[in-house]
Amino acid sequence: MITIPNQSSVAKAFLEFEENGRMKPSSYYERVVDVMEELFKFTLLTRDVSPFLVDRYSERRESAEELAKRVNIRSI
């Protein structure tokens, strides 16, 4: 799992939005934008290597039975 070194929360978020649904300018808004920019950047950095990042040993290893079938030997 990729994590970013930034996080944000908005206290009493229901007070931080205008009538039209847009977030009011504030330090909370700036922090949320900072976090979203980092998420976007990390997405760009990891996009081309996602097959490598999600490859798991537990999902690709063969069971003894599968190995036996593949190499044509009887199961013990």
Protein backbone atom coordinates (compact mmCIF):
# COMPACT_ATOMS: atom_id res chain seq x y z
CA MET A 1 0.00 0.00 0.00
CA ILE A 2 1.27 3.42 -0.87
CA THR A 3 0.85 6.09 1.75
CA ILE A 4 1.61 9.75 1.50
CA PRO A 5 3.38 11.69 4.25
CA ASN A 6 0.51 14.16 4.45
CA GLN A 7 -3.00 13.99 5.84
CA SER A 8 -5.85 16.32 6.54
CA SER A 9 -9.03 16.52 8.53
CA VAL A 10 -11.52 19.34 8.76
CA ALA A 11 -13.02 20.08 12.14
CA LYS A 12 -16.75 20.84 11.92
CA ALA A 13 -16.59 20.36 8.16
CA PHE A 14 -20.26 21.27 7.82
CA LEU A 15 -19.30 24.88 8.69
CA GLU A 16 -16.54 25.05 6.09
CA PHE A 17 -18.71 25.03 2.95
CA GLU A 18 -20.55 27.79 1.12
CA GLU A 19 -24.17 27.52 -0.01
CA ASN A 20 -23.08 26.40 -3.49
CA GLY A 21 -21.16 23.45 -1.99
CA ARG A 22 -17.69 24.89 -2.51
CA MET A 23 -15.27 24.85 0.39
CA LYS A 24 -14.60 28.28 1.88
CA PRO A 25 -11.09 29.71 1.53
CA SER A 26 -9.21 28.83 4.72
CA SER A 27 -6.18 26.99 6.05
CA TYR A 28 -8.35 23.83 5.99
CA TYR A 29 -8.96 24.33 2.27
CA GLU A 30 -5.25 24.82 1.61
CA ARG A 31 -4.40 21.66 3.56
CA VAL A 32 -6.95 19.60 1.64
CA VAL A 33 -5.51 20.90 -1.64
CA ASP A 34 -1.98 20.01 -0.46
CA VAL A 35 -3.07 16.45 0.30
CA MET A 36 -4.86 16.06 -3.04
CA GLU A 37 -1.80 17.33 -4.90
CA GLU A 38 0.37 14.75 -3.14
CA LEU A 39 -2.09 11.97 -3.94
CA PHE A 40 -2.05 13.04 -7.58
CA LYS A 41 1.76 13.11 -7.69
CA PHE A 42 2.07 9.69 -6.06
CA THR A 43 -0.47 8.34 -8.56
CA LEU A 44 1.70 9.61 -11.42
CA LEU A 45 4.84 8.13 -9.84
CA THR A 46 3.32 4.69 -9.31
CA ARG A 47 1.03 4.35 -12.33
CA ASP A 48 3.53 2.62 -14.63
CA VAL A 49 4.75 0.25 -11.93
CA SER A 50 1.37 -0.83 -10.56
CA PRO A 51 1.71 -4.44 -11.84
CA PHE A 52 4.91 -4.74 -9.80
CA LEU A 53 3.40 -3.08 -6.73
CA VAL A 54 0.36 -5.36 -6.59
CA ASP A 55 2.23 -8.61 -7.32
CA ARG A 56 1.95 -10.77 -4.21
CA TYR A 57 3.90 -13.91 -3.41
CA SER A 58 0.86 -15.52 -1.78
CA GLU A 59 -1.15 -15.09 -4.99
CA ARG A 60 1.47 -16.27 -7.47
CA ARG A 61 3.03 -19.22 -5.64
CA GLU A 62 2.04 -22.67 -6.75
CA SER A 63 0.49 -25.18 -4.46
CA ALA A 64 2.21 -28.56 -4.21
CA GLU A 65 -0.65 -30.04 -6.22
CA GLU A 66 -0.36 -27.45 -9.01
CA LEU A 67 3.40 -27.96 -9.15
CA ALA A 68 2.96 -31.73 -9.37
CA LYS A 69 0.51 -31.34 -12.27
CA ARG A 70 2.82 -28.92 -14.06
CA VAL A 71 5.86 -31.16 -13.87
CA ASN A 72 3.87 -34.36 -14.43
CA ILE A 73 4.53 -36.17 -11.19
CA ARG A 74 2.16 -37.87 -8.84
CA SER A 75 1.04 -36.09 -5.72
CA ILE A 76 2.35 -37.54 -2.47
